[in-house]
Structures are given as structure tokens and as C-alpha cells.
Amino acid sequence: MATTVYSLKKKANTDEMHVFECAPTFSGFCACNQKSICGKMDKSEHHLDIFSCVSEDTAREGSAQRGRKVCGTCVSKLYTTY
């Protein structure tokens, strides 16, 4: 079973940041979904990885440190429990 990790990507030409679900690869990189977890940013729109391949807890902490520039919908999905 694959482990889910997260990456925070900054959208090109804005200060807006979105969280992406990813899976670690055998080569040590991350393969991220095409859309952010809120669905409002496509991976092709990013210009900078703020952090990459981190755990859910680390993604929560890293997003909180960056404040309002991180998409609130993405952050809320990090706290969703089913």
C-alpha cells in the first residue's frame, strides 16, 4: 500500500500556495496528483515547491507557518477525517 505524502506548491505569478497529494517514488522523488487537493490549481501552474514529500502532520505545520497565503480549502482538507 502506497504512503500518501504532501507537497506545497506556489502558483506562478501569485503568492497563492496549494497542497498536492503525492506518492513517493522508488527513485526518491514525489509523484504528485495533477490537481491540488482543493481542485483549484493544476500542477502545470506552479513555479516553486515550498515543501515536498512530507507527512500529513508536517504539511499541516508547514502550511500554518505560512499563514493566509496557503489556500484555506487545501488546509481544511488536511484536517478532514472520514
C-alpha atoms as a PDB file:
ATOM      1  CA  MET A   1       0.000   0.000   0.000  1.00  0.00           C
ATOM      2  CA  ALA A   2       1.412   3.376  -1.026  1.00  0.00           C
ATOM      3  CA  THR A   3       2.001   6.085   1.545  1.00  0.00           C
ATOM      4  CA  THR A   4       0.398   9.454   0.885  1.00  0.00           C
ATOM      5  CA  VAL A   5       2.675  12.445   1.307  1.00  0.00           C
ATOM      6  CA  TYR A   6       2.096  16.113   0.550  1.00  0.00           C
ATOM      7  CA  SER A   7       3.724  18.961  -1.338  1.00  0.00           C
ATOM      8  CA  LEU A   8       3.024  22.684  -1.139  1.00  0.00           C
ATOM      9  CA  LYS A   9       3.332  24.441  -4.479  1.00  0.00           C
ATOM     10  CA  LYS A  10       3.334  28.171  -5.161  1.00  0.00           C
ATOM     11  CA  LYS A  11       1.228  29.275  -8.105  1.00  0.00           C
ATOM     12  CA  ALA A  12       3.066  31.169 -10.837  1.00  0.00           C
ATOM     13  CA  ASN A  13       2.523  34.951 -10.838  1.00  0.00           C
ATOM     14  CA  THR A  14       0.763  34.954  -7.442  1.00  0.00           C
ATOM     15  CA  ASP A  15       1.629  34.383  -3.802  1.00  0.00           C
ATOM     16  CA  GLU A  16      -1.093  31.727  -3.562  1.00  0.00           C
ATOM     17  CA  MET A  17       0.004  28.266  -2.388  1.00  0.00           C
ATOM     18  CA  HIS A  18      -1.844  24.952  -2.742  1.00  0.00           C
ATOM     19  CA  VAL A  19      -1.384  21.486  -1.254  1.00  0.00           C
ATOM     20  CA  PHE A  20      -0.997  18.432  -3.508  1.00  0.00           C
ATOM     21  CA  GLU A  21      -1.304  14.770  -2.565  1.00  0.00           C
ATOM     22  CA  CYS A  22       1.707  12.806  -3.740  1.00  0.00           C
ATOM     23  CA  ALA A  23       3.256   9.363  -3.608  1.00  0.00           C
ATOM     24  CA  PRO A  24       6.946   8.714  -3.042  1.00  0.00           C
ATOM     25  CA  THR A  25       8.697   7.005  -5.941  1.00  0.00           C
ATOM     26  CA  PHE A  26      11.441   4.395  -5.862  1.00  0.00           C
ATOM     27  CA  SER A  27      13.918   6.990  -7.126  1.00  0.00           C
ATOM     28  CA  GLY A  28      13.327   9.189  -4.055  1.00  0.00           C
ATOM     29  CA  PHE A  29      11.147  11.779  -5.750  1.00  0.00           C
ATOM     30  CA  CYS A  30       7.443  12.505  -5.411  1.00  0.00           C
ATOM     31  CA  ALA A  31       4.756  11.854  -7.988  1.00  0.00           C
ATOM     32  CA  CYS A  32       2.034  14.413  -7.307  1.00  0.00           C
ATOM     33  CA  ASN A  33      -1.561  14.435  -8.483  1.00  0.00           C
ATOM     34  CA  GLN A  34      -2.347  16.755 -11.390  1.00  0.00           C
ATOM     35  CA  LYS A  35      -4.741  18.880  -9.274  1.00  0.00           C
ATOM     36  CA  SER A  36      -4.324  20.322  -5.788  1.00  0.00           C
ATOM     37  CA  ILE A  37      -6.470  18.766  -3.063  1.00  0.00           C
ATOM     38  CA  CYS A  38      -8.939  21.654  -3.413  1.00  0.00           C
ATOM     39  CA  GLY A  39      -9.066  21.187  -7.195  1.00  0.00           C
ATOM     40  CA  LYS A  40      -8.366  24.878  -7.885  1.00  0.00           C
ATOM     41  CA  MET A  41      -4.752  24.617  -9.066  1.00  0.00           C
ATOM     42  CA  ASP A  42      -3.235  22.451 -11.764  1.00  0.00           C
ATOM     43  CA  LYS A  43       0.309  21.156 -11.267  1.00  0.00           C
ATOM     44  CA  SER A  44       1.365  22.877 -14.501  1.00  0.00           C
ATOM     45  CA  GLU A  45       0.599  26.283 -12.900  1.00  0.00           C
ATOM     46  CA  HIS A  46       3.271  26.002 -10.200  1.00  0.00           C
ATOM     47  CA  HIS A  47       6.627  27.705 -10.286  1.00  0.00           C
ATOM     48  CA  LEU A  48       8.074  26.797  -6.879  1.00  0.00           C
ATOM     49  CA  ASP A  49       7.831  23.882  -4.443  1.00  0.00           C
ATOM     50  CA  ILE A  50       7.662  25.265  -0.912  1.00  0.00           C
ATOM     51  CA  PHE A  51       7.998  21.772   0.555  1.00  0.00           C
ATOM     52  CA  SER A  52       7.785  18.343  -1.000  1.00  0.00           C
ATOM     53  CA  CYS A  53       7.118  14.731   0.073  1.00  0.00           C
ATOM     54  CA  VAL A  54       6.235  15.469   3.702  1.00  0.00           C
ATOM     55  CA  SER A  55       3.859  13.721   6.104  1.00  0.00           C
ATOM     56  CA  GLU A  56       0.355  14.989   6.795  1.00  0.00           C
ATOM     57  CA  ASP A  57       1.411  16.410  10.181  1.00  0.00           C
ATOM     58  CA  THR A  58       4.397  18.197   8.663  1.00  0.00           C
ATOM     59  CA  ALA A  59       2.177  19.553   5.873  1.00  0.00           C
ATOM     60  CA  ARG A  60      -0.242  20.954   8.475  1.00  0.00           C
ATOM     61  CA  GLU A  61       2.587  22.619  10.400  1.00  0.00           C
ATOM     62  CA  GLY A  62       4.277  23.972   7.275  1.00  0.00           C
ATOM     63  CA  SER A  63       1.018  25.372   5.942  1.00  0.00           C
ATOM     64  CA  ALA A  64       0.193  27.007   9.289  1.00  0.00           C
ATOM     65  CA  GLN A  65       3.618  28.691   9.375  1.00  0.00           C
ATOM     66  CA  ARG A  66       2.910  30.307   6.000  1.00  0.00           C
ATOM     67  CA  GLY A  67      -0.473  31.645   7.070  1.00  0.00           C
ATOM     68  CA  ARG A  68      -3.119  33.119   4.804  1.00  0.00           C
ATOM     69  CA  LYS A  69      -1.138  32.671   1.584  1.00  0.00           C
ATOM     70  CA  VAL A  70      -1.979  28.951   1.699  1.00  0.00           C
ATOM     71  CA  CYS A  71      -5.358  28.016   0.247  1.00  0.00           C
ATOM     72  CA  GLY A  72      -7.815  27.617   3.124  1.00  0.00           C
ATOM     73  CA  THR A  73      -9.688  24.842   1.345  1.00  0.00           C
ATOM     74  CA  CYS A  74      -6.480  22.842   0.928  1.00  0.00           C
ATOM     75  CA  VAL A  75      -5.628  23.292   4.613  1.00  0.00           C
ATOM     76  CA  SER A  76      -9.111  22.243   5.702  1.00  0.00           C
ATOM     77  CA  LYS A  77      -8.751  19.003   3.710  1.00  0.00           C
ATOM     78  CA  LEU A  78      -5.604  18.187   5.684  1.00  0.00           C
ATOM     79  CA  TYR A  79      -7.813  18.130   8.799  1.00  0.00           C
ATOM     80  CA  THR A  80     -10.749  16.210   7.328  1.00  0.00           C
ATOM     81  CA  THR A  81     -11.463  12.844   8.895  1.00  0.00           C
ATOM     82  CA  TYR A  82     -13.829  10.285   7.439  1.00  0.00           C
END
